[in-house]
N, C-alpha and C. Protein backbone atom coordinates (compact mmCIF):
# COMPACT_ATOMS: atom_id res chain seq x y z
N MET A 1 29.85 7.67 -7.55
CA MET A 1 28.46 7.28 -7.26
C MET A 1 28.27 5.75 -7.91
N ALA A 2 27.56 4.76 -6.99
CA ALA A 2 27.20 3.82 -7.60
C ALA A 2 26.19 3.82 -8.71
N LYS A 3 26.30 3.08 -9.81
CA LYS A 3 25.25 3.16 -10.82
C LYS A 3 24.05 2.27 -10.35
N LYS A 4 22.72 3.15 -10.43
CA LYS A 4 21.72 2.27 -10.02
C LYS A 4 21.10 1.59 -11.26
N HIS A 5 20.73 0.08 -10.92
CA HIS A 5 20.25 -0.71 -11.77
C HIS A 5 18.91 -0.72 -12.17
N ASP A 6 18.51 -1.11 -13.21
CA ASP A 6 17.23 -0.96 -13.56
C ASP A 6 16.22 -1.51 -12.72
N ASP A 7 16.53 -2.70 -11.97
CA ASP A 7 15.73 -3.48 -11.57
C ASP A 7 15.63 -2.91 -9.77
N GLU A 8 16.21 -1.81 -9.55
CA GLU A 8 16.40 -1.33 -8.05
C GLU A 8 15.04 -0.31 -7.90
N LEU A 9 14.35 -0.48 -6.86
CA LEU A 9 13.40 0.50 -6.77
C LEU A 9 13.72 2.06 -6.17
N ASP A 10 13.21 2.99 -6.41
CA ASP A 10 13.75 4.27 -5.79
C ASP A 10 12.87 4.43 -4.37
N ASP A 11 13.27 5.28 -3.64
CA ASP A 11 12.89 5.25 -2.17
C ASP A 11 11.49 5.57 -2.29
N GLU A 12 10.93 6.39 -2.95
CA GLU A 12 9.60 6.67 -3.03
C GLU A 12 8.65 5.43 -3.33
N THR A 13 9.23 4.63 -4.23
CA THR A 13 8.20 3.19 -4.48
C THR A 13 8.46 2.35 -3.35
N LEU A 14 9.72 2.27 -2.75
CA LEU A 14 9.51 1.57 -1.35
C LEU A 14 8.80 1.99 -0.40
N ALA A 15 8.63 3.22 -0.29
CA ALA A 15 7.89 3.81 0.81
C ALA A 15 6.58 3.43 0.38
N LEU A 16 5.94 3.58 -0.73
CA LEU A 16 4.73 3.22 -1.03
C LEU A 16 4.33 1.61 -0.67
N LEU A 17 5.49 0.97 -1.20
CA LEU A 17 5.04 -0.43 -0.88
C LEU A 17 5.16 -0.67 0.63
N ALA A 18 5.79 0.05 1.42
CA ALA A 18 5.70 -0.32 2.89
C ALA A 18 4.61 0.17 3.46
N TRP A 19 3.88 1.32 2.77
CA TRP A 19 2.69 1.83 3.21
C TRP A 19 1.60 0.92 2.97
N CYS A 20 1.75 0.14 1.64
CA CYS A 20 0.68 -0.80 1.47
C CYS A 20 0.85 -2.07 2.29
N THR A 21 1.90 -2.28 2.76
CA THR A 21 2.00 -3.49 3.56
C THR A 21 1.28 -3.24 4.99
N GLU A 22 1.18 -1.84 5.46
CA GLU A 22 0.72 -1.45 6.65
C GLU A 22 -0.85 -1.56 6.47
N VAL A 23 -1.08 -1.15 5.41
CA VAL A 23 -2.85 -1.04 4.94
C VAL A 23 -3.19 -2.45 5.00
N GLU A 24 -2.46 -3.15 4.23
CA GLU A 24 -2.77 -4.69 4.24
C GLU A 24 -3.07 -5.39 5.83
N ALA A 25 -2.17 -4.89 6.69
CA ALA A 25 -2.34 -5.31 7.92
C ALA A 25 -3.42 -4.96 8.71
N HIS A 26 -3.87 -3.49 8.33
CA HIS A 26 -4.91 -3.06 8.78
C HIS A 26 -6.17 -3.88 8.27
N LEU A 27 -6.22 -4.06 7.19
CA LEU A 27 -7.56 -4.88 6.57
C LEU A 27 -7.46 -6.23 6.97
N VAL A 28 -6.42 -6.82 7.36
CA VAL A 28 -6.31 -8.29 7.95
C VAL A 28 -6.86 -7.92 9.35
N ALA A 29 -6.59 -7.23 10.08
CA ALA A 29 -6.83 -6.87 11.45
C ALA A 29 -8.60 -6.80 11.56
N ALA A 30 -8.91 -6.05 10.39
CA ALA A 30 -10.68 -5.81 10.46
C ALA A 30 -11.31 -7.07 10.17
N GLY A 31 -10.69 -8.11 9.67
CA GLY A 31 -11.02 -9.48 9.21
C GLY A 31 -10.80 -10.18 7.98
N ALA A 32 -10.23 -9.27 7.08
CA ALA A 32 -9.94 -9.71 5.80
C ALA A 32 -8.93 -10.92 5.63
N ARG A 33 -9.02 -11.88 4.85
CA ARG A 33 -7.87 -12.82 4.82
C ARG A 33 -6.75 -12.11 4.21
N ILE A 34 -5.46 -12.54 4.51
CA ILE A 34 -4.39 -11.77 3.69
C ILE A 34 -4.56 -11.78 2.13
N GLU A 35 -4.91 -13.01 1.58
CA GLU A 35 -5.14 -13.09 -0.02
C GLU A 35 -6.06 -12.25 -0.37
N GLU A 36 -7.16 -11.83 0.27
CA GLU A 36 -8.21 -11.04 -0.05
C GLU A 36 -7.64 -9.46 0.18
N ALA A 37 -7.03 -9.14 1.32
CA ALA A 37 -6.45 -8.00 1.43
C ALA A 37 -5.37 -7.54 0.24
N GLN A 38 -4.45 -8.50 -0.06
CA GLN A 38 -3.33 -8.16 -0.87
C GLN A 38 -4.11 -8.09 -2.60
N ASP A 39 -5.24 -9.04 -2.91
CA ASP A 39 -5.89 -8.73 -4.03
C ASP A 39 -6.66 -7.40 -4.21
N HIS A 40 -7.22 -7.10 -3.13
CA HIS A 40 -7.88 -5.95 -3.03
C HIS A 40 -7.10 -4.51 -3.28
N ILE A 41 -5.95 -4.50 -2.70
CA ILE A 41 -4.92 -3.54 -2.79
C ILE A 41 -4.19 -3.71 -4.35
N GLU A 42 -3.96 -4.76 -4.86
CA GLU A 42 -3.53 -4.85 -6.27
C GLU A 42 -4.51 -4.26 -7.28
N GLU A 43 -5.80 -4.65 -6.95
CA GLU A 43 -6.73 -4.41 -7.77
C GLU A 43 -7.15 -2.95 -7.88
N GLN A 44 -6.96 -2.07 -6.59
CA GLN A 44 -7.35 -0.89 -6.50
C GLN A 44 -6.08 0.06 -6.43
N ALA A 45 -4.79 -0.21 -6.91
CA ALA A 45 -3.62 0.16 -6.81
C ALA A 45 -3.59 1.56 -7.02
N GLU A 46 -4.34 2.32 -8.00
CA GLU A 46 -4.34 3.47 -8.31
C GLU A 46 -5.05 4.25 -7.24
N TRP A 47 -5.94 3.79 -6.64
CA TRP A 47 -6.78 4.49 -5.76
C TRP A 47 -5.74 4.62 -4.31
N TYR A 48 -5.11 3.39 -4.10
CA TYR A 48 -4.33 3.35 -2.76
C TYR A 48 -3.14 4.38 -2.96
N THR A 49 -2.69 4.27 -4.40
CA THR A 49 -1.42 5.30 -4.66
C THR A 49 -1.82 6.66 -4.39
N ASP A 50 -3.04 7.00 -4.94
CA ASP A 50 -3.56 8.33 -4.83
C ASP A 50 -3.73 8.73 -3.14
N MET A 51 -4.32 7.72 -2.33
CA MET A 51 -4.25 7.96 -0.82
C MET A 51 -2.90 8.21 -0.13
N PHE A 52 -2.07 7.35 -0.65
CA PHE A 52 -0.70 7.56 -0.20
C PHE A 52 -0.03 8.86 -0.59
N TYR A 53 -0.09 9.59 -1.62
CA TYR A 53 0.05 10.92 -2.10
C TYR A 53 -0.52 11.90 -1.33
N ASP A 54 -1.83 11.55 -1.09
CA ASP A 54 -2.65 12.52 -0.45
C ASP A 54 -2.24 12.64 1.23
N GLY A 55 -1.42 11.83 1.53
CA GLY A 55 -0.98 11.84 2.77
C GLY A 55 -1.75 11.10 3.77
N LEU A 56 -2.58 10.07 3.52
CA LEU A 56 -3.33 9.28 4.41
C LEU A 56 -2.45 8.56 5.17
N SER A 57 -2.91 7.99 6.10
CA SER A 57 -2.30 6.95 6.96
C SER A 57 -2.70 5.58 6.61
N PRO A 58 -1.77 4.75 6.84
CA PRO A 58 -2.38 3.30 6.58
C PRO A 58 -3.63 3.02 6.96
N ALA A 59 -4.07 3.44 8.36
CA ALA A 59 -5.06 2.96 9.09
C ALA A 59 -6.15 3.92 8.47
N GLU A 60 -6.09 5.21 7.95
CA GLU A 60 -6.95 6.06 7.29
C GLU A 60 -7.34 5.47 6.00
N ALA A 61 -6.51 4.80 5.30
CA ALA A 61 -6.61 4.17 3.99
C ALA A 61 -7.66 2.88 4.35
N ALA A 62 -7.20 2.07 4.98
CA ALA A 62 -8.11 0.92 5.34
C ALA A 62 -9.56 1.06 5.87
N LYS A 63 -9.36 2.25 6.52
CA LYS A 63 -11.01 2.55 7.02
C LYS A 63 -11.68 3.13 6.07
N GLN A 64 -11.17 3.70 4.89
CA GLN A 64 -11.88 4.29 3.69
C GLN A 64 -12.34 3.05 2.95
N ALA A 65 -11.31 1.94 2.75
CA ALA A 65 -11.65 0.84 1.97
C ALA A 65 -12.85 -0.13 2.46
N LEU A 66 -12.85 -0.25 3.86
CA LEU A 66 -13.83 -0.81 4.65
C LEU A 66 -15.15 -0.30 4.91
N ALA A 67 -15.11 1.15 4.23
CA ALA A 67 -16.47 2.07 4.56
C ALA A 67 -17.58 1.60 3.54
């Protein structure tokens, strides 16, 4: 088995990052600038992580962010 390097991300982290990228796309589609959406997700990382683990779709998470 290949040794995992410390700088490699696990599958769960990769899934969370992909999910956040989709949330970002929904925020941009709703009118946010890319930079605004990215900054918001970074600033609210814990909140978005909770939504990810709670099973919300990216569209549902973006809708909550815009509410």
